[in-house]
Amino acid sequence: MAERAIEFTDYHQFPLEPIPGPVPGLSQRVISRDKRGRIVARVLEYAPGVDTTPNGIAVHDFWEDIFILKGSAFDLTLGREFSAGSVASRPPGMPHGPWTSVDGCVMYEVDRYLD
């Protein structure tokens, strides 16, 4: 699905998809993709008790902006918990995570690609 206009819509209307990989309890609701099929905006959901340690520290080649909507996530590298209302803007190459979430976490993520 390439980027398209969406008027205000409850995010629960977008299908909840498990994120492939070694960590159970990670899911996403894809809001939009770019012309190349890359995710541009999504709602990322951590189930209660999730631990992303098997994914290791994340590093990617795009800007990532995050807003925590509900719950909280604990950054194991920084030793800090971030809760609803917290935001992050990470440039390409910035290491972050891994994360745990005792009670679950819902985040809105926007990815900005350089090409």
Protein backbone atom coordinates (compact mmCIF):
# COMPACT_ATOMS: atom_id res chain seq x y z
CA MET A 1 0.00 0.00 0.00
CA ALA A 2 1.65 3.23 -1.13
CA GLU A 3 1.09 6.41 0.82
CA ARG A 4 -2.51 7.54 0.58
CA ALA A 5 -4.76 10.10 2.19
CA ILE A 6 -6.41 8.92 5.38
CA GLU A 7 -8.80 11.14 7.28
CA PHE A 8 -8.97 10.72 11.07
CA THR A 9 -9.47 7.03 11.73
CA ASP A 10 -9.25 4.97 14.90
CA TYR A 11 -5.89 3.18 14.68
CA HIS A 12 -7.57 -0.06 15.73
CA GLN A 13 -9.10 -0.12 12.20
CA PHE A 14 -5.65 -1.08 10.83
CA PRO A 15 -4.88 -4.81 11.13
CA LEU A 16 -2.60 -5.85 13.97
CA GLU A 17 0.26 -7.82 12.40
CA PRO A 18 2.92 -9.73 14.34
CA ILE A 19 6.43 -8.50 13.51
CA PRO A 20 8.47 -11.42 12.15
CA GLY A 21 11.52 -12.40 14.17
CA PRO A 22 12.62 -14.00 17.39
CA VAL A 23 10.57 -11.81 19.77
CA PRO A 24 6.98 -12.85 20.49
CA GLY A 25 4.63 -10.04 21.47
CA LEU A 26 5.85 -7.40 18.99
CA SER A 27 3.09 -6.23 16.65
CA GLN A 28 2.38 -3.34 14.33
CA ARG A 29 -0.48 -1.56 12.61
CA VAL A 30 0.89 -0.14 9.35
CA ILE A 31 -0.66 3.25 8.58
CA SER A 32 1.28 4.10 5.42
CA ARG A 33 4.10 3.00 3.14
CA ASP A 34 6.16 4.91 0.60
CA LYS A 35 6.31 4.20 -3.15
CA ARG A 36 9.03 1.60 -2.50
CA GLY A 37 6.86 -0.27 0.01
CA ARG A 38 8.80 0.82 3.09
CA ILE A 39 6.81 1.57 6.23
CA VAL A 40 6.48 5.31 6.78
CA ALA A 41 4.05 5.38 9.70
CA ARG A 42 2.89 2.67 12.05
CA VAL A 43 1.57 1.99 15.50
CA LEU A 44 4.02 -0.33 17.25
CA GLU A 45 2.66 -2.47 20.10
CA TYR A 46 4.63 -4.31 22.79
CA ALA A 47 2.59 -6.93 24.62
CA PRO A 48 2.96 -7.04 28.41
CA GLY A 49 6.20 -8.81 29.32
CA VAL A 50 7.90 -8.31 25.94
CA ASP A 51 11.71 -8.40 25.88
CA THR A 52 13.47 -7.42 22.64
CA THR A 53 16.89 -8.61 23.81
CA PRO A 54 17.01 -11.31 21.07
CA ASN A 55 16.86 -8.48 18.47
CA GLY A 56 19.91 -6.81 20.02
CA ILE A 57 20.62 -3.10 19.75
CA ALA A 58 18.73 -1.51 16.85
CA VAL A 59 20.50 0.64 14.24
CA HIS A 60 18.94 1.69 10.94
CA ASP A 61 19.59 3.93 7.95
CA PHE A 62 16.58 6.28 8.33
CA TRP A 63 15.32 8.91 10.77
CA GLU A 64 12.88 7.48 13.30
CA ASP A 65 10.44 9.61 15.29
CA ILE A 66 8.58 7.92 18.15
CA PHE A 67 5.76 9.05 20.44
CA ILE A 68 4.70 6.75 23.29
CA LEU A 69 0.90 6.76 23.42
CA LYS A 70 0.25 4.25 26.24
CA GLY A 71 2.26 2.23 28.70
CA SER A 72 6.03 2.31 29.00
CA ALA A 73 9.23 0.72 27.72
CA PHE A 74 12.52 0.23 29.53
CA ASP A 75 15.73 0.77 27.55
CA LEU A 76 18.15 -1.91 28.77
CA THR A 77 21.22 -0.08 27.42
CA LEU A 78 20.37 3.28 28.99
CA GLY A 79 18.82 1.77 32.13
CA ARG A 80 15.84 4.14 31.81
CA GLU A 81 12.10 3.75 31.51
CA PHE A 82 10.12 5.93 29.11
CA SER A 83 6.36 6.31 29.47
CA ALA A 84 3.31 7.80 27.73
CA GLY A 85 4.03 11.29 26.45
CA SER A 86 7.74 10.60 25.83
CA VAL A 87 9.13 11.28 22.36
CA ALA A 88 12.35 10.39 20.52
CA SER A 89 13.89 11.51 17.23
CA ARG A 90 16.71 9.23 16.17
CA PRO A 91 19.03 9.97 13.25
CA PRO A 92 20.34 7.22 10.96
CA GLY A 93 22.99 5.13 12.69
CA MET A 94 21.91 5.95 16.27
CA PRO A 95 21.93 2.76 18.39
CA HIS A 96 18.91 2.18 20.67
CA GLY A 97 17.40 -0.59 22.75
CA PRO A 98 16.94 -3.41 23.42
CA TRP A 99 13.71 -2.87 25.33
CA THR A 100 11.45 -4.55 27.84
CA SER A 101 7.90 -3.64 28.81
CA VAL A 102 6.28 -5.04 31.93
CA ASP A 103 2.75 -3.78 31.26
CA GLY A 104 2.93 -3.25 27.48
CA CYS A 105 3.51 -0.20 25.35
CA VAL A 106 1.87 1.45 22.33
CA MET A 107 3.96 3.85 20.21
CA TYR A 108 3.37 5.88 17.07
CA GLU A 109 6.41 5.74 14.77
CA VAL A 110 7.25 7.78 11.68
CA ASP A 111 10.26 6.75 9.56
CA ARG A 112 11.93 9.29 7.27
CA TYR A 113 14.17 7.85 4.57
CA LEU A 114 17.09 9.79 3.12
CA ASP A 115 16.66 8.65 -0.48
